[in-house]
Protein backbone atom coordinates (compact mmCIF):
# COMPACT_ATOMS: atom_id res chain seq x y z
CA UNK A 1 0.00 0.00 0.00
CA UNK A 2 2.73 2.44 0.98
CA UNK A 3 4.55 1.82 -2.29
CA UNK A 4 1.42 2.69 -4.26
CA UNK A 5 1.17 6.01 -2.47
CA UNK A 6 4.87 6.77 -2.68
CA UNK A 7 4.98 6.20 -6.42
CA UNK A 8 2.47 9.01 -6.82
CA UNK A 9 4.44 11.79 -5.23
CA UNK A 10 2.77 15.09 -5.91
CA UNK A 11 3.78 18.73 -6.01
CA UNK A 12 2.16 21.72 -4.42
CA UNK A 13 2.21 24.92 -6.40
CA UNK A 14 0.18 28.09 -6.34
CA UNK A 15 -2.20 28.39 -9.27
CA UNK A 16 -3.07 31.58 -11.07
CA UNK A 17 -5.96 32.01 -8.66
CA UNK A 18 -3.67 31.69 -5.68
CA UNK A 19 -4.96 28.25 -4.73
CA UNK A 20 -3.07 25.01 -4.43
CA UNK A 21 -3.33 22.11 -6.87
CA UNK A 22 -1.90 18.64 -6.91
CA UNK A 23 -0.85 16.77 -10.00
CA UNK A 24 -2.38 13.36 -10.40
CA UNK A 25 -2.11 11.09 -13.39
CA UNK A 26 -2.44 14.06 -15.69
CA UNK A 27 -2.78 17.81 -15.30
CA UNK A 28 -5.56 19.44 -13.33
CA UNK A 29 -8.50 21.34 -14.81
CA UNK A 30 -7.37 23.53 -17.67
CA UNK A 31 -8.77 26.67 -16.06
CA UNK A 32 -6.07 26.87 -13.46
CA UNK A 33 -5.25 23.38 -12.22
CA UNK A 34 -1.87 21.80 -11.99
CA UNK A 35 -1.29 21.89 -15.72
CA UNK A 36 -0.92 25.67 -15.67
CA UNK A 37 1.43 25.93 -12.72
CA UNK A 38 4.19 23.67 -13.91
CA UNK A 39 3.53 20.89 -11.44
CA UNK A 40 3.59 18.34 -14.24
CA UNK A 41 6.96 19.51 -15.44
CA UNK A 42 10.19 17.52 -15.54
CA UNK A 43 11.45 18.45 -12.10
CA UNK A 44 12.35 15.09 -10.69
CA UNK A 45 8.79 14.11 -9.81
CA UNK A 46 8.40 11.62 -12.60
CA UNK A 47 6.74 9.09 -10.32
CA UNK A 48 3.89 11.41 -9.50
CA UNK A 49 3.28 13.74 -12.43
CA UNK A 50 1.67 12.29 -15.54
CA UNK A 51 1.09 8.76 -14.39
CA UNK A 52 0.15 5.37 -15.69
CA UNK A 53 -2.41 5.39 -18.44
CA UNK A 54 -2.53 9.14 -18.81
CA UNK A 55 -1.30 9.17 -22.38
CA UNK A 56 -1.25 6.86 -25.35
CA UNK A 57 1.85 5.41 -26.97
CA UNK A 58 1.36 7.69 -29.94
CA UNK A 59 1.70 10.82 -27.85
CA UNK A 60 -2.01 11.55 -27.73
CA UNK A 61 -3.83 11.95 -24.45
CA UNK A 62 -5.43 8.53 -24.90
CA UNK A 63 -8.84 9.92 -23.94
CA UNK A 64 -10.70 7.82 -26.51
CA UNK A 65 -9.58 4.68 -24.70
CA UNK A 66 -10.11 5.91 -21.14
CA UNK A 67 -13.30 4.59 -19.51
CA UNK A 68 -13.56 7.55 -17.11
CA UNK A 69 -11.74 10.68 -16.00
CA UNK A 70 -12.05 11.57 -12.34
CA UNK A 71 -11.25 14.72 -10.42
CA UNK A 72 -10.83 14.38 -6.67
CA UNK A 73 -10.85 17.11 -4.03
CA UNK A 74 -9.28 15.89 -0.80
CA UNK A 75 -10.25 16.90 2.70
CA UNK A 76 -8.15 19.20 4.86
CA UNK A 77 -5.05 17.58 6.23
CA UNK A 78 -4.22 16.43 2.72
CA UNK A 79 -2.42 13.45 1.29
CA UNK A 80 0.33 11.88 3.28
CA UNK A 81 -1.87 11.54 6.37
CA UNK A 82 -1.62 7.73 6.15
CA UNK A 83 -5.27 7.78 7.10
CA UNK A 84 -8.44 9.31 5.63
CA UNK A 85 -7.21 11.05 2.46
CA UNK A 86 -4.71 8.34 1.64
CA UNK A 87 -7.50 5.79 1.94
CA UNK A 88 -9.48 7.74 -0.66
CA UNK A 89 -6.46 7.78 -2.95
CA UNK A 90 -6.16 4.01 -2.67
CA UNK A 91 -9.62 3.71 -4.20
CA UNK A 92 -8.49 5.78 -7.18
CA UNK A 93 -5.31 3.77 -7.58
CA UNK A 94 -7.30 0.54 -7.54
CA UNK A 95 -9.71 1.93 -10.16
CA UNK A 96 -6.79 3.04 -12.32
CA UNK A 97 -5.14 -0.36 -12.13
CA UNK A 98 -8.33 -2.31 -12.83
CA UNK A 99 -10.12 -0.04 -15.30
CA UNK A 100 -7.44 2.22 -16.76
CA UNK A 101 -9.07 5.47 -15.64
CA UNK A 102 -7.36 8.84 -15.54
CA UNK A 103 -7.58 11.04 -12.48
CA UNK A 104 -6.44 14.41 -11.20
CA UNK A 105 -6.03 15.39 -7.56
CA UNK A 106 -6.50 18.66 -5.71
CA UNK A 107 -5.64 19.50 -2.15
CA UNK A 108 -7.23 22.71 -0.89
CA UNK A 109 -5.43 24.50 1.89
CA UNK A 110 -8.61 25.49 3.69
CA UNK A 111 -12.36 25.04 3.79
CA UNK A 112 -12.89 28.17 1.71
CA UNK A 113 -11.20 26.55 -1.28
CA UNK A 114 -13.38 23.45 -1.56
CA UNK A 115 -16.01 25.15 -3.70
CA UNK A 116 -13.46 26.54 -6.14
CA UNK A 117 -11.86 23.18 -6.81
CA UNK A 118 -15.25 21.52 -7.19
CA UNK A 119 -16.20 24.16 -9.75
CA UNK A 120 -12.94 23.81 -11.65
CA UNK A 121 -13.50 20.13 -12.25
CA UNK A 122 -17.21 20.51 -12.99
CA UNK A 123 -16.69 23.31 -15.52
CA UNK A 124 -13.64 21.82 -17.22
CA UNK A 125 -14.00 20.65 -20.82
CA UNK A 126 -10.39 19.61 -21.39
CA UNK A 127 -10.56 17.14 -19.86
CA UNK A 128 -14.24 16.56 -19.30
CA UNK A 129 -14.53 14.90 -15.88
CA UNK A 130 -16.98 12.03 -15.63
CA UNK A 131 -16.93 12.17 -11.84
CA UNK A 132 -15.90 14.69 -9.22
CA UNK A 133 -15.08 13.03 -5.89
CA UNK A 134 -15.44 15.22 -2.80
CA UNK A 135 -13.73 13.74 0.25
CA UNK A 136 -14.93 14.80 3.69
CA UNK A 137 -18.01 16.20 5.42
CA UNK A 138 -16.49 19.69 5.33
CA UNK A 139 -17.20 19.86 1.59
CA UNK A 140 -20.95 19.55 2.14
CA UNK A 141 -21.89 23.23 2.02
CA UNK A 142 -19.80 23.93 -1.07
CA UNK A 143 -21.19 20.90 -2.89
CA UNK A 144 -24.77 21.74 -1.92
CA UNK A 145 -24.23 25.05 -3.71
CA UNK A 146 -22.28 23.71 -6.69
CA UNK A 147 -24.18 20.53 -7.55
CA UNK A 148 -27.37 22.32 -8.72
CA UNK A 149 -25.26 24.65 -10.86
CA UNK A 150 -23.78 21.68 -12.74
CA UNK A 151 -26.73 19.27 -13.12
CA UNK A 152 -24.97 17.24 -15.83
CA UNK A 153 -21.90 16.62 -13.68
CA UNK A 154 -21.76 13.48 -11.53
CA UNK A 155 -20.41 14.02 -8.01
CA UNK A 156 -19.73 11.72 -5.08
CA UNK A 157 -19.38 12.83 -1.48
CA UNK A 158 -17.83 11.00 1.47
CA UNK A 159 -19.03 11.40 5.06
CA UNK A 160 -22.09 13.54 4.43
CA UNK A 161 -25.25 13.78 2.35
CA UNK A 162 -26.20 16.30 -0.34
CA UNK A 163 -29.70 15.61 -1.60
CA UNK A 164 -29.23 16.33 -5.29
CA UNK A 165 -29.92 13.99 -8.19
CA UNK A 166 -26.31 14.19 -9.39
CA UNK A 167 -24.67 13.47 -6.01
CA UNK A 168 -24.00 9.98 -4.66
CA UNK A 169 -23.49 10.34 -0.91
CA UNK A 170 -21.42 7.74 0.94
CA UNK A 171 -21.68 7.68 4.73
CA UNK A 172 -20.09 5.28 7.18
CA UNK A 173 -21.31 3.77 10.41
CA UNK A 174 -18.15 4.79 12.25
CA UNK A 175 -19.95 4.26 15.54
CA UNK A 176 -20.26 0.52 14.82
CA UNK A 177 -16.56 0.00 14.21
CA UNK A 178 -15.68 2.28 17.11
CA UNK A 179 -17.90 0.20 19.41
CA UNK A 180 -15.61 -2.76 18.74
CA UNK A 181 -12.59 -0.60 19.56
CA UNK A 182 -14.27 0.29 22.85
CA UNK A 183 -14.87 -3.36 23.70
CA UNK A 184 -11.26 -4.18 22.89
CA UNK A 185 -9.88 -1.26 24.90
CA UNK A 186 -12.09 -1.87 27.93
CA UNK A 187 -11.21 -5.53 28.15
CA UNK A 188 -7.50 -4.84 27.73
CA UNK A 189 -7.29 -2.06 30.30
CA UNK A 190 -8.60 -4.49 32.92
CA UNK A 191 -5.94 -7.03 31.92
CA UNK A 192 -2.25 -7.17 32.74
CA UNK A 193 -1.05 -7.14 29.14
CA UNK A 194 2.25 -6.36 27.42
CA UNK A 195 3.24 -6.46 23.76
CA UNK A 196 5.85 -4.67 21.70
CA UNK A 197 6.77 -1.40 23.41
CA UNK A 198 3.50 -1.08 25.33
CA UNK A 199 1.83 -2.41 28.42
CA UNK A 200 -1.29 -1.87 30.50
CA UNK A 201 -1.71 -1.15 34.19
CA UNK A 202 -4.80 -3.07 35.35
CA UNK A 203 -4.89 -0.95 38.52
CA UNK A 204 -5.60 2.17 36.44
CA UNK A 205 -8.56 1.54 34.17
CA UNK A 206 -8.58 4.71 32.08
CA UNK A 207 -8.79 5.20 28.33
CA UNK A 208 -8.52 8.16 25.99
CA UNK A 209 -10.08 9.46 22.77
CA UNK A 210 -8.44 12.16 20.65
CA UNK A 211 -10.56 13.76 17.94
CA UNK A 212 -9.52 16.09 15.15
CA UNK A 213 -12.20 18.66 14.34
CA UNK A 214 -15.25 18.54 16.62
CA UNK A 215 -17.99 17.51 14.19
CA UNK A 216 -20.91 15.07 13.92
CA UNK A 217 -18.70 12.55 12.09
CA UNK A 218 -15.98 12.49 14.74
CA UNK A 219 -18.62 12.51 17.46
CA UNK A 220 -19.87 9.22 16.01
CA UNK A 221 -16.41 7.75 16.54
CA UNK A 222 -16.45 8.96 20.13
CA UNK A 223 -20.03 7.82 20.80
CA UNK A 224 -19.38 4.31 19.53
CA UNK A 225 -16.12 4.01 21.41
CA UNK A 226 -17.65 5.11 24.71
CA UNK A 227 -20.64 2.81 24.20
CA UNK A 228 -18.34 -0.16 23.56
CA UNK A 229 -16.40 0.62 26.71
CA UNK A 230 -19.60 0.81 28.75
CA UNK A 231 -20.82 -2.45 27.22
CA UNK A 232 -17.65 -4.36 28.08
CA UNK A 233 -16.78 -2.91 31.49
CA UNK A 234 -18.55 -1.37 34.49
CA UNK A 235 -15.91 1.00 35.78
CA UNK A 236 -13.69 2.29 32.99
CA UNK A 237 -13.41 6.03 32.31
CA UNK A 238 -12.82 7.64 28.92
CA UNK A 239 -11.12 11.04 28.67
CA UNK A 240 -11.81 12.97 25.47
CA UNK A 241 -9.95 15.80 23.76
CA UNK A 242 -10.53 17.56 20.42
CA UNK A 243 -7.40 19.10 18.95
CA UNK A 244 -9.26 21.17 16.35
CA UNK A 245 -7.18 20.02 13.38
CA UNK A 246 -6.45 16.96 11.29
CA UNK A 247 -2.86 18.10 10.70
CA UNK A 248 -1.46 18.92 14.14
CA UNK A 249 0.73 16.05 15.42
CA UNK A 250 2.13 18.19 18.22
CA UNK A 251 -1.39 18.91 19.43
CA UNK A 252 -2.23 15.22 19.25
CA UNK A 253 0.90 14.36 21.19
CA UNK A 254 0.14 16.89 23.90
CA UNK A 255 -3.43 15.66 24.30
CA UNK A 256 -2.41 12.00 24.42
CA UNK A 257 0.49 12.59 26.82
CA UNK A 258 -1.94 14.19 29.26
CA UNK A 259 -4.16 11.12 29.03
CA UNK A 260 -1.37 8.58 29.41
CA UNK A 261 0.16 10.46 32.32
CA UNK A 262 -3.27 10.50 33.99
CA UNK A 263 -3.43 6.72 33.80
CA UNK A 264 -4.80 5.89 30.34
CA UNK A 265 -3.58 2.56 28.98
CA UNK A 266 -4.89 3.06 25.45
CA UNK A 267 -5.77 6.14 23.39
CA UNK A 268 -7.97 5.85 20.28
CA UNK A 269 -7.70 8.66 17.78
CA UNK A 270 -9.90 9.88 14.94
CA UNK A 271 -7.83 12.82 13.85
CA UNK A 272 -6.02 12.21 10.56
CA UNK A 273 -2.36 13.18 10.62
CA UNK A 274 -2.82 14.60 14.11
CA UNK A 275 -2.84 10.98 15.26
CA UNK A 276 0.89 10.66 14.60
CA UNK A 277 1.34 12.64 17.80
CA UNK A 278 -0.82 10.13 19.65
CA UNK A 279 1.47 7.33 18.49
CA UNK A 280 4.54 9.30 19.54
CA UNK A 281 3.05 9.79 22.99
CA UNK A 282 2.23 6.08 23.27
CA UNK A 283 5.83 5.15 22.57
CA UNK A 284 7.11 7.78 24.98
CA UNK A 285 4.89 6.50 27.79
CA UNK A 286 5.07 2.79 26.99
CA UNK A 287 1.34 2.48 26.37
CA UNK A 288 -0.90 1.53 23.41
CA UNK A 289 -2.77 3.40 20.71
CA UNK A 290 -5.53 2.63 18.23
CA UNK A 291 -5.30 3.88 14.65
CA UNK A 292 -8.06 4.91 12.27
CA UNK A 293 -9.23 4.73 8.63
CA UNK A 294 -6.33 2.53 7.45
CA UNK A 295 -4.37 -0.17 9.26
CA UNK A 296 -1.96 2.34 10.72
CA UNK A 297 0.36 -0.35 12.06
CA UNK A 298 1.26 -0.69 8.38
CA UNK A 299 0.96 2.89 7.16
CA UNK A 300 2.90 4.17 10.19
CA UNK A 301 5.37 1.27 10.62
CA UNK A 302 7.65 3.17 13.01
CA UNK A 303 4.83 2.99 15.55
CA UNK A 304 3.77 -0.59 14.89
CA UNK A 305 5.12 -1.63 18.30
CA UNK A 306 2.38 0.39 20.05
CA UNK A 307 -0.49 0.34 17.52
CA UNK A 308 -2.54 -2.54 18.81
CA UNK A 309 -5.44 -2.19 16.35
CA UNK A 310 -7.08 0.23 13.92
CA UNK A 311 -10.67 1.05 13.09
CA UNK A 312 -10.46 0.68 9.33
CA UNK A 313 -12.95 2.80 7.42
CA UNK A 314 -13.19 1.74 3.78
CA UNK A 315 -13.12 5.14 2.16
CA UNK A 316 -11.23 3.42 -0.65
CA UNK A 317 -14.28 1.21 -1.25
CA UNK A 318 -16.57 4.23 -1.53
CA UNK A 319 -14.29 5.93 -4.05
CA UNK A 320 -13.67 2.76 -6.04
CA UNK A 321 -17.36 1.83 -6.20
CA UNK A 322 -18.39 5.32 -7.24
CA UNK A 323 -15.92 5.21 -10.13
CA UNK A 324 -17.05 1.71 -11.10
CA UNK A 325 -20.67 2.85 -11.11
CA UNK A 326 -19.88 5.77 -13.41
CA UNK A 327 -18.08 3.46 -15.81
CA UNK A 328 -21.13 1.18 -15.79
CA UNK A 329 -23.41 4.19 -16.37
CA UNK A 330 -24.99 3.46 -13.01
CA UNK A 331 -24.09 6.53 -10.94
CA UNK A 332 -26.02 6.44 -7.67
CA UNK A 333 -27.05 10.08 -7.86
CA UNK A 334 -29.64 11.13 -5.33
CA UNK A 335 -28.88 8.14 -3.09
CA UNK A 336 -27.21 7.82 0.30
CA UNK A 337 -25.12 4.67 0.64
CA UNK A 338 -24.33 3.61 4.22
CA UNK A 339 -21.33 1.35 4.85
CA UNK A 340 -21.12 -0.40 8.22
CA UNK A 341 -19.99 -3.67 9.77
CA UNK A 342 -22.40 -5.79 7.75
CA UNK A 343 -20.98 -4.53 4.45
CA UNK A 344 -17.39 -4.51 5.75
CA UNK A 345 -17.39 -0.74 5.40
CA UNK A 346 -15.84 -0.43 8.86
CA UNK A 347 -13.91 -3.01 10.87
CA UNK A 348 -11.61 -3.58 13.81
CA UNK A 349 -8.25 -4.72 12.40
CA UNK A 350 -5.54 -5.95 14.74
CA UNK A 351 -2.05 -4.50 14.43
CA UNK A 352 0.40 -6.13 12.06
CA UNK A 353 3.21 -6.47 14.63
CA UNK A 354 1.53 -6.91 18.01
CA UNK A 355 -2.17 -7.44 17.34
CA UNK A 356 -1.72 -11.19 17.27
CA UNK A 357 -0.78 -11.12 20.95
CA UNK A 358 -4.22 -9.97 22.10
CA UNK A 359 -5.61 -12.75 24.34
CA UNK A 360 -8.04 -15.10 22.62
CA UNK A 361 -10.89 -14.42 25.04
CA UNK A 362 -10.73 -10.71 24.25
CA UNK A 363 -10.65 -11.36 20.50
CA UNK A 364 -13.71 -13.55 20.98
CA UNK A 365 -15.50 -10.79 22.92
CA UNK A 366 -14.88 -8.33 20.09
CA UNK A 367 -16.07 -10.84 17.49
CA UNK A 368 -19.23 -11.58 19.46
CA UNK A 369 -19.99 -7.87 19.76
CA UNK A 370 -19.58 -7.53 16.00
CA UNK A 371 -22.03 -10.35 15.37
CA UNK A 372 -24.51 -8.85 17.83
CA UNK A 373 -24.41 -5.44 16.12
CA UNK A 374 -25.00 -7.00 12.71
CA UNK A 375 -27.85 -9.10 14.11
CA UNK A 376 -29.47 -6.01 15.57
CA UNK A 377 -29.03 -7.14 19.15
CA UNK A 378 -26.85 -4.13 19.99
CA UNK A 379 -28.02 -0.66 19.01
CA UNK A 380 -24.94 1.54 18.85
CA UNK A 381 -25.55 5.26 19.55
CA UNK A 382 -24.43 7.89 17.06
CA UNK A 383 -24.29 10.74 19.55
CA UNK A 384 -22.41 11.21 22.79
CA UNK A 385 -24.21 11.95 26.03
CA UNK A 386 -25.52 15.48 25.99
CA UNK A 387 -25.06 15.91 22.22
């Protein structure tokens, strides 16, 4: 997975409009994307400029043979987070490898730029984008304004819903996967357990949750985690902190250090690249951490000795399926597609290095909770107490 991402190194450069674009397999939208700012030039970035399948052998752009051209606007925090945005990119890479699509990537520097990048792709005619992928709930307002202005453009949105006929909305049941993380954490914090560079203190049954931006989506992570803890244990406390950013490792480290030093055995984060700081704190304090979105014991291998598990959220599946649907002329516009445990849209994945050391009875407890959620025997809340 890491090699796929690394082979698509990208360049940041200011466009004529003063915004930031990222080169994907070919240039960005012709009205000011990466093609105009030189980010596809021969500057040593040959493994991330014009990529596989972006041109024909005869020097043409190969567009007649391309089943779809996709423009993607990433969430804040950007690529390289080894989490949410990188998961979305994996879906594009898979679609490119299986279908031969072309795609272009954009990474806004702030919420105010989402609408502009959405418009660039939707209004572009060279190339003409078959799908515009909008990654993250924070693009909702911009897309709700832009989608009606471009009724012939297909859009997809991750983590929120825009009720327009040309928008396929993909939402995840993060609370379900987070419930399993809560069960796992609660059972472990009551156990004398050591693995890799971490250990628990069964005399101090505290846990932590670090969120990025305080929002309904991240609150679902928190709500599920706390509910899982309450389900599995009677007297385990969860301390919560929101850093306010998905790209602030130092803030994540500070928040997690406070939790560990107050007795937390395990800290679960849902904070993008901010979570790197959580992992750093776990190593510093000899405790454990839970990753998010991807199996972060693999995407952040230097912390694999403290990442006991990750709540994998298949953003890649949402992106891949939306592209596949467009190719099949079956865009799910106007629909909201929910991905939870039953559809393998979210899952508890044990760490690559130390996850196999989790005691069998705890693994069984997590598995049984999963089955009970799917069967409808456990109703996982989507909101925290008082929210």
